[in-house]
C-alpha atoms as a PDB file:
ATOM      1  CA  MET A   1      95.286 103.388  74.227  1.00  0.00           C
ATOM      2  CA  THR A   2      94.278  99.952  75.514  1.00  0.00           C
ATOM      3  CA  ALA A   3      93.851  97.226  73.097  1.00  0.00           C
ATOM      4  CA  TYR A   4      90.917  94.749  73.513  1.00  0.00           C
ATOM      5  CA  VAL A   5      90.247  91.188  72.179  1.00  0.00           C
ATOM      6  CA  ASP A   6      86.910  89.483  71.655  1.00  0.00           C
ATOM      7  CA  VAL A   7      86.774  86.473  73.866  1.00  0.00           C
ATOM      8  CA  THR A   8      83.273  85.235  74.060  1.00  0.00           C
ATOM      9  CA  THR A   9      79.581  86.323  74.285  1.00  0.00           C
ATOM     10  CA  LEU A  10      77.281  86.866  77.334  1.00  0.00           C
ATOM     11  CA  GLU A  11      75.199  84.000  76.150  1.00  0.00           C
ATOM     12  CA  GLN A  12      78.235  81.614  76.361  1.00  0.00           C
ATOM     13  CA  LEU A  13      79.208  82.787  79.813  1.00  0.00           C
ATOM     14  CA  PRO A  14      76.000  82.363  82.065  1.00  0.00           C
ATOM     15  CA  PRO A  15      75.777  84.278  85.334  1.00  0.00           C
ATOM     16  CA  GLY A  16      77.804  82.448  88.105  1.00  0.00           C
ATOM     17  CA  THR A  17      80.121  80.730  85.806  1.00  0.00           C
ATOM     18  CA  ALA A  18      83.930  81.041  84.885  1.00  0.00           C
ATOM     19  CA  ARG A  19      86.193  80.028  82.051  1.00  0.00           C
ATOM     20  CA  VAL A  20      89.800  80.238  81.133  1.00  0.00           C
ATOM     21  CA  LEU A  21      91.309  82.020  78.243  1.00  0.00           C
ATOM     22  CA  ALA A  22      94.763  82.604  76.875  1.00  0.00           C
ATOM     23  CA  LEU A  23      95.935  86.303  76.338  1.00  0.00           C
ATOM     24  CA  GLY A  24      99.321  85.597  74.763  1.00  0.00           C
ATOM     25  CA  ALA A  25     101.217  83.563  77.301  1.00  0.00           C
ATOM     26  CA  THR A  26      98.899  84.720  80.182  1.00  0.00           C
ATOM     27  CA  ARG A  27      96.117  82.440  81.426  1.00  0.00           C
ATOM     28  CA  VAL A  28      93.111  84.627  82.398  1.00  0.00           C
ATOM     29  CA  ALA A  29      90.143  83.678  84.370  1.00  0.00           C
ATOM     30  CA  LEU A  30      86.892  85.237  83.196  1.00  0.00           C
ATOM     31  CA  PHE A  31      83.964  85.460  85.677  1.00  0.00           C
ATOM     32  CA  ARG A  32      80.352  86.504  85.170  1.00  0.00           C
ATOM     33  CA  VAL A  33      78.618  87.863  88.147  1.00  0.00           C
ATOM     34  CA  GLY A  34      75.059  88.885  87.359  1.00  0.00           C
ATOM     35  CA  ASP A  35      75.430  91.135  84.385  1.00  0.00           C
ATOM     36  CA  ARG A  36      79.077  92.046  85.014  1.00  0.00           C
ATOM     37  CA  VAL A  37      82.108  90.198  83.679  1.00  0.00           C
ATOM     38  CA  TYR A  38      85.488  90.298  85.378  1.00  0.00           C
ATOM     39  CA  ALA A  39      88.984  89.062  84.401  1.00  0.00           C
ATOM     40  CA  ILE A  40      91.894  88.315  86.592  1.00  0.00           C
ATOM     41  CA  ASP A  41      95.066  86.145  86.297  1.00  0.00           C
ATOM     42  CA  ASP A  42      94.112  82.490  86.407  1.00  0.00           C
ATOM     43  CA  THR A  43      96.822  81.330  88.759  1.00  0.00           C
ATOM     44  CA  CYS A  44      96.706  81.373  92.565  1.00  0.00           C
ATOM     45  CA  LEU A  45      99.829  82.910  94.156  1.00  0.00           C
ATOM     46  CA  ARG A  46     100.077  80.298  96.818  1.00  0.00           C
ATOM     47  CA  CYS A  47      99.390  76.839  95.029  1.00  0.00           C
ATOM     48  CA  SER A  48      99.221  77.762  91.331  1.00  0.00           C
ATOM     49  CA  ALA A  49      95.793  76.252  90.997  1.00  0.00           C
ATOM     50  CA  SER A  50      93.393  77.554  88.328  1.00  0.00           C
ATOM     51  CA  LEU A  51      91.100  80.278  89.811  1.00  0.00           C
ATOM     52  CA  ALA A  52      88.525  79.545  87.120  1.00  0.00           C
ATOM     53  CA  SER A  53      88.085  76.143  88.734  1.00  0.00           C
ATOM     54  CA  GLY A  54      87.546  77.585  92.225  1.00  0.00           C
ATOM     55  CA  ALA A  55      84.387  78.316  94.095  1.00  0.00           C
ATOM     56  CA  LEU A  56      82.652  81.649  93.136  1.00  0.00           C
ATOM     57  CA  VAL A  57      80.490  83.226  95.679  1.00  0.00           C
ATOM     58  CA  GLU A  58      79.333  86.689  94.728  1.00  0.00           C
ATOM     59  CA  THR A  59      82.449  88.524  93.612  1.00  0.00           C
ATOM     60  CA  HIS A  60      85.127  86.336  95.485  1.00  0.00           C
ATOM     61  CA  VAL A  61      86.625  83.049  94.275  1.00  0.00           C
ATOM     62  CA  THR A  62      88.335  80.567  96.514  1.00  0.00           C
ATOM     63  CA  CYS A  63      91.128  78.362  95.052  1.00  0.00           C
ATOM     64  CA  GLY A  64      91.741  74.831  96.112  1.00  0.00           C
ATOM     65  CA  CYS A  65      94.228  75.814  98.837  1.00  0.00           C
ATOM     66  CA  GLY A  66      91.687  78.215 100.520  1.00  0.00           C
ATOM     67  CA  TRP A  67      92.960  81.521  99.345  1.00  0.00           C
ATOM     68  CA  ARG A  68      90.027  83.905  98.458  1.00  0.00           C
ATOM     69  CA  TYR A  69      90.541  86.608  95.674  1.00  0.00           C
ATOM     70  CA  ASP A  70      88.204  89.483  94.721  1.00  0.00           C
ATOM     71  CA  VAL A  71      87.466  89.021  91.108  1.00  0.00           C
ATOM     72  CA  LYS A  72      86.744  92.768  90.455  1.00  0.00           C
ATOM     73  CA  THR A  73      90.384  93.670  91.674  1.00  0.00           C
ATOM     74  CA  GLY A  74      92.518  90.599  91.945  1.00  0.00           C
ATOM     75  CA  SER A  75      93.123  91.494  95.611  1.00  0.00           C
ATOM     76  CA  LEU A  76      93.776  88.656  98.023  1.00  0.00           C
ATOM     77  CA  ASP A  77      91.473  88.781 101.052  1.00  0.00           C
ATOM     78  CA  GLY A  78      93.163  89.126 104.438  1.00  0.00           C
ATOM     79  CA  LEU A  79      96.614  90.118 102.899  1.00  0.00           C
ATOM     80  CA  PRO A  80      96.481  93.903 102.106  1.00  0.00           C
ATOM     81  CA  GLY A  81      98.642  94.886  99.071  1.00  0.00           C
ATOM     82  CA  LEU A  82      98.996  91.296  97.762  1.00  0.00           C
ATOM     83  CA  CYS A  83      97.156  90.719  94.524  1.00  0.00           C
ATOM     84  CA  ILE A  84      97.072  89.126  91.109  1.00  0.00           C
ATOM     85  CA  ASP A  85      96.682  91.024  87.778  1.00  0.00           C
ATOM     86  CA  ALA A  86      93.176  92.197  86.873  1.00  0.00           C
ATOM     87  CA  PHE A  87      92.180  93.096  83.262  1.00  0.00           C
ATOM     88  CA  ALA A  88      89.585  95.626  82.061  1.00  0.00           C
ATOM     89  CA  VAL A  89      86.538  94.070  80.543  1.00  0.00           C
ATOM     90  CA  ARG A  90      84.028  95.648  78.061  1.00  0.00           C
ATOM     91  CA  ILE A  91      80.697  94.401  76.825  1.00  0.00           C
ATOM     92  CA  VAL A  92      79.950  95.597  73.294  1.00  0.00           C
ATOM     93  CA  ALA A  93      76.718  94.359  71.752  1.00  0.00           C
ATOM     94  CA  SER A  94      76.734  91.268  74.055  1.00  0.00           C
ATOM     95  CA  ARG A  95      80.516  90.462  72.949  1.00  0.00           C
ATOM     96  CA  VAL A  96      82.906  90.200  75.957  1.00  0.00           C
ATOM     97  CA  ARG A  97      86.051  92.025  75.250  1.00  0.00           C
ATOM     98  CA  VAL A  98      89.188  91.800  77.490  1.00  0.00           C
ATOM     99  CA  ALA A  99      92.176  94.209  77.652  1.00  0.00           C
ATOM    100  CA  LYS A 100      95.365  92.533  76.249  1.00  0.00           C
ATOM    101  CA  THR A 101      97.244  93.964  79.280  1.00  0.00           C
ATOM    102  CA  SER A 102      96.525  94.112  82.954  1.00  0.00           C
ATOM    103  CA  ALA A 103      95.180  97.253  84.589  1.00  0.00           C
ATOM    104  CA  PRO A 104      97.812  99.339  86.604  1.00  0.00           C
ATOM    105  CA  ARG A 105      98.056  98.172  90.265  1.00  0.00           C
ATOM    106  CA  SER A 106      97.625 101.627  91.745  1.00  0.00           C
ATOM    107  CA  GLY A 107      94.236 102.277  93.180  1.00  0.00           C
ATOM    108  CA  ARG A 108      93.445  98.707  94.014  1.00  0.00           C
ATOM    109  CA  GLU A 109      92.083  97.838  97.356  1.00  0.00           C
END
């Protein structure tokens, strides 16, 4: 069974915004796109930049070096099979809860 951690509320994460949180030793970028919240590893594979600081357009974030990630899956645009970790997110009574461990990589785009 997957364990979840309360990290914020929907009110503290307005649509179109991002924030960084720590899950143990892992830095996770949390993104709110409309009514949905997504969580992926915060570190770009190429330049190690924070993805939470990147430009968010719809469900894609672009880091400072120009690499573009899907915030739903952690997949890197244009490089099939290359992705960062994605974490399951649950909303319970407007509380945002993130899984303590990343989702399995199988089935990702």
